[in-house]
Amino acid sequence: MKTVIIKYNAGNVQSVMYALDRIGVGYTYTDDEEEIRSADKVIFPGVGEASTTMAYLREKGLDKLIPSLKQPVFGTCIGMQLMCRFSEEGNTNCMGIFDVDVRRFPATPGFKVPHMGWNDISEYRTPLTKNVEDNAYVYFVHSYAAPVCEFTVAQCNYIQPFSAMLQKDNFYAAQFHCEISGNVGQRIIENFLAIGF
């Protein structure tokens, strides 16, 4: 199985590499179109700011490539947000794989933004959460979130309910950081890599 991690100007990619190393999965880190198209699985992770990151994706043609992929694709954190239609962060048009807009958490007394730390997820309906216990805890760091919508396959509640995971056709996404979410995150990554095998 060939696994590709998409190379773009996002932080935290190293931790995804370490997570794959821990479970013994080889990978290629690349922005080359042919390498990405020939992969069995594609991971689109990272930490970053929406407008500058989308500008980089457009410069490299990745904004057109990623939505055209036919194999399983897994976006995490900023990767998930850029797979949506629009982000309030920098008023950014994104890739539109998921027809939903990403909004900043509203200022709310008693709640800090960014939402940072461990929180539980619920109402799973995706193969990525196979053998994951109900109300499992995962690690979040974000100020923007996609609302609950038709593509929501797991939810979280912080200030308001939001999409912890999205899924549409061959595209899967998680707002949280699987790679630093302990055994639960590792199981989700393993379930993604097992799709179709």
Protein backbone atom coordinates (compact mmCIF):
# COMPACT_ATOMS: atom_id res chain seq x y z
CA MET A 1 0.00 0.00 0.00
CA LYS A 2 1.30 3.43 -0.95
CA THR A 3 0.46 6.22 1.48
CA VAL A 4 1.17 9.85 0.64
CA ILE A 5 1.24 12.82 2.99
CA ILE A 6 0.60 16.00 0.99
CA LYS A 7 3.44 18.48 1.29
CA TYR A 8 2.36 22.10 1.67
CA ASN A 9 3.12 25.02 3.95
CA ALA A 10 1.50 23.66 7.09
CA GLY A 11 2.92 22.99 10.52
CA ASN A 12 2.66 19.83 12.62
CA VAL A 13 3.20 17.45 9.68
CA GLN A 14 6.15 15.85 11.49
CA SER A 15 3.85 14.50 14.20
CA VAL A 16 1.76 12.75 11.52
CA MET A 17 4.93 11.14 10.19
CA TYR A 18 5.80 9.96 13.71
CA ALA A 19 2.30 8.51 14.10
CA LEU A 20 2.68 6.50 10.88
CA ASP A 21 6.15 5.40 11.98
CA ARG A 22 4.69 4.12 15.27
CA ILE A 23 2.21 1.87 13.47
CA GLY A 24 4.81 0.72 10.95
CA VAL A 25 3.34 2.33 7.82
CA GLY A 26 5.65 3.67 5.15
CA TYR A 27 4.77 6.94 3.44
CA THR A 28 5.91 9.50 0.88
CA TYR A 29 5.85 13.22 1.72
CA THR A 30 5.32 15.06 -1.54
CA ASP A 31 3.50 17.74 -3.53
CA ASP A 32 4.09 15.91 -6.83
CA GLU A 33 0.83 15.35 -8.73
CA GLU A 34 1.74 11.93 -10.11
CA GLU A 35 2.95 10.67 -6.74
CA ILE A 36 -0.28 11.83 -5.12
CA ARG A 37 -2.54 10.40 -7.84
CA SER A 38 -0.80 7.02 -7.68
CA ALA A 39 -1.22 6.66 -3.90
CA ASP A 40 -3.63 4.18 -2.32
CA LYS A 41 -4.27 6.57 0.58
CA VAL A 42 -3.72 10.33 0.85
CA ILE A 43 -3.36 12.25 4.12
CA PHE A 44 -3.80 16.05 4.15
CA PRO A 45 -2.86 17.19 7.67
CA GLY A 46 -1.49 20.31 9.27
CA VAL A 47 -1.72 23.45 11.32
CA GLY A 48 -1.90 26.87 9.71
CA GLU A 49 -3.88 29.93 8.70
CA ALA A 50 -6.56 29.43 6.06
CA SER A 51 -5.90 32.30 3.62
CA THR A 52 -2.11 31.91 3.35
CA THR A 53 -2.40 28.13 3.16
CA MET A 54 -5.02 28.26 0.39
CA ALA A 55 -2.82 30.72 -1.53
CA TYR A 56 0.00 28.16 -1.40
CA LEU A 57 -2.29 25.33 -2.51
CA ARG A 58 -3.44 27.43 -5.50
CA GLU A 59 0.14 28.27 -6.42
CA LYS A 60 0.98 24.56 -6.51
CA GLY A 61 -2.29 23.49 -8.20
CA LEU A 62 -3.15 21.37 -5.19
CA ASP A 63 -6.49 23.17 -4.77
CA LYS A 64 -7.64 21.50 -8.03
CA LEU A 65 -5.81 18.22 -7.53
CA ILE A 66 -7.10 17.30 -4.08
CA PRO A 67 -10.85 17.52 -4.89
CA SER A 68 -10.28 15.41 -8.03
CA LEU A 69 -8.75 12.46 -6.18
CA LYS A 70 -10.61 9.13 -6.28
CA GLN A 71 -8.77 7.20 -3.56
CA PRO A 72 -9.49 7.68 0.18
CA VAL A 73 -8.32 11.12 1.35
CA PHE A 74 -8.08 12.10 5.03
CA GLY A 75 -7.81 15.76 6.02
CA THR A 76 -7.09 16.77 9.62
CA CYS A 77 -7.27 20.11 11.45
CA ILE A 78 -6.55 22.87 8.88
CA GLY A 79 -6.73 20.11 6.26
CA MET A 80 -10.37 19.51 7.16
CA GLN A 81 -11.20 23.22 7.17
CA LEU A 82 -9.65 23.77 3.74
CA MET A 83 -11.77 20.90 2.38
CA CYS A 84 -14.85 23.00 3.22
CA ARG A 85 -16.40 25.73 1.04
CA PHE A 86 -15.32 28.86 2.89
CA SER A 87 -13.50 29.91 6.06
CA GLU A 88 -14.07 33.08 8.05
CA GLU A 89 -10.33 33.00 8.78
CA GLY A 90 -9.10 35.57 6.28
CA ASN A 91 -12.48 35.38 4.45
CA THR A 92 -11.10 32.52 2.40
CA ASN A 93 -12.69 30.52 -0.40
CA CYS A 94 -11.56 26.95 0.13
CA MET A 95 -11.77 23.73 -1.91
CA GLY A 96 -15.50 23.08 -1.52
CA ILE A 97 -15.36 19.31 -1.10
CA PHE A 98 -17.75 19.70 1.82
CA ASP A 99 -20.45 22.27 1.08
CA VAL A 100 -20.25 23.98 4.47
CA ASP A 101 -18.64 27.16 5.82
CA VAL A 102 -16.09 27.24 8.66
CA ARG A 103 -16.87 29.86 11.31
CA ARG A 104 -14.97 31.31 14.27
CA PHE A 105 -16.23 30.29 17.68
CA PRO A 106 -18.32 33.15 19.10
CA ALA A 107 -16.89 35.03 22.08
CA THR A 108 -18.57 33.47 25.09
CA PRO A 109 -17.97 34.23 28.78
CA GLY A 110 -16.20 31.35 30.51
CA PHE A 111 -14.85 29.82 27.29
CA LYS A 112 -11.42 30.41 25.78
CA VAL A 113 -10.75 30.58 22.06
CA PRO A 114 -8.86 28.74 20.68
CA HIS A 115 -10.53 25.55 21.83
CA MET A 116 -7.43 23.73 23.03
CA GLY A 117 -7.14 20.42 24.83
CA TRP A 118 -8.99 17.14 25.25
CA ASN A 119 -12.70 16.90 24.53
CA ASP A 120 -15.07 14.05 23.82
CA ILE A 121 -16.67 13.26 20.48
CA SER A 122 -20.01 11.55 19.96
CA GLU A 123 -22.63 10.36 17.47
CA TYR A 124 -20.17 8.49 15.28
CA ARG A 125 -21.26 7.19 11.90
CA THR A 126 -18.08 6.57 9.96
CA PRO A 127 -15.82 3.56 9.41
CA LEU A 128 -12.97 5.64 10.85
CA THR A 129 -14.42 5.20 14.35
CA LYS A 130 -14.73 1.40 14.16
CA ASN A 131 -13.83 -0.07 17.59
CA VAL A 132 -13.60 3.41 19.14
CA GLU A 133 -15.51 3.62 22.44
CA ASP A 134 -18.47 5.96 22.74
CA ASN A 135 -17.63 9.51 23.83
CA ALA A 136 -13.90 9.01 23.30
CA TYR A 137 -11.55 11.89 24.07
CA VAL A 138 -9.35 13.45 21.38
CA TYR A 139 -7.08 16.50 21.23
CA PHE A 140 -8.20 19.78 19.65
CA VAL A 141 -6.43 23.07 18.88
CA HIS A 142 -8.63 25.42 16.80
CA SER A 143 -10.46 28.74 16.77
CA TYR A 144 -12.67 27.93 13.77
CA ALA A 145 -15.05 25.04 13.21
CA ALA A 146 -17.54 23.62 10.74
CA PRO A 147 -21.12 23.52 12.07
CA VAL A 148 -23.05 20.27 12.30
CA CYS A 149 -24.28 19.56 8.76
CA GLU A 150 -25.27 16.76 6.39
CA PHE A 151 -21.62 15.62 6.16
CA THR A 152 -21.08 15.40 9.93
CA VAL A 153 -20.11 11.89 11.06
CA ALA A 154 -18.96 12.78 14.60
CA GLN A 155 -19.74 15.76 16.80
CA CYS A 156 -18.14 17.70 19.62
CA ASN A 157 -19.56 20.41 21.84
CA TYR A 158 -17.53 23.46 22.82
CA ILE A 159 -19.51 26.69 23.14
CA GLN A 160 -21.83 25.07 20.60
CA PRO A 161 -22.08 21.73 18.76
CA PHE A 162 -19.69 21.48 15.81
CA SER A 163 -18.42 18.88 13.36
CA ALA A 164 -15.59 16.84 14.84
CA MET A 165 -15.49 14.70 11.68
CA LEU A 166 -16.86 15.02 8.15
CA GLN A 167 -17.27 12.46 5.38
CA LYS A 168 -18.40 12.57 1.77
CA ASP A 169 -17.70 9.83 -0.79
CA ASN A 170 -13.93 9.09 -0.61
CA PHE A 171 -13.17 12.16 1.51
CA TYR A 172 -12.80 11.89 5.28
CA ALA A 173 -11.85 14.64 7.71
CA ALA A 174 -11.24 15.26 11.41
CA GLN A 175 -11.00 18.62 13.19
CA PHE A 176 -8.89 17.14 15.98
CA HIS A 177 -5.30 15.96 15.86
CA CYS A 178 -5.41 12.18 15.45
CA GLU A 179 -1.64 11.97 15.65
CA ILE A 180 -1.57 13.31 19.22
CA SER A 181 -4.86 11.80 20.41
CA GLY A 182 -3.35 8.67 21.96
CA ASN A 183 -4.83 5.24 21.30
CA VAL A 184 -8.09 6.69 19.96
CA GLY A 185 -6.28 8.77 17.35
CA GLN A 186 -4.09 5.85 16.38
CA ARG A 187 -7.15 3.64 15.92
CA ILE A 188 -8.76 6.27 13.65
CA ILE A 189 -5.60 6.47 11.52
CA GLU A 190 -5.44 2.66 11.33
CA ASN A 191 -9.11 2.50 10.32
CA PHE A 192 -8.48 5.04 7.55
CA LEU A 193 -5.53 3.06 6.24
CA ALA A 194 -7.66 -0.13 6.30
CA ILE A 195 -10.41 1.28 4.05
CA GLY A 196 -10.74 -0.93 0.97
CA PHE A 197 -8.35 -3.58 2.24
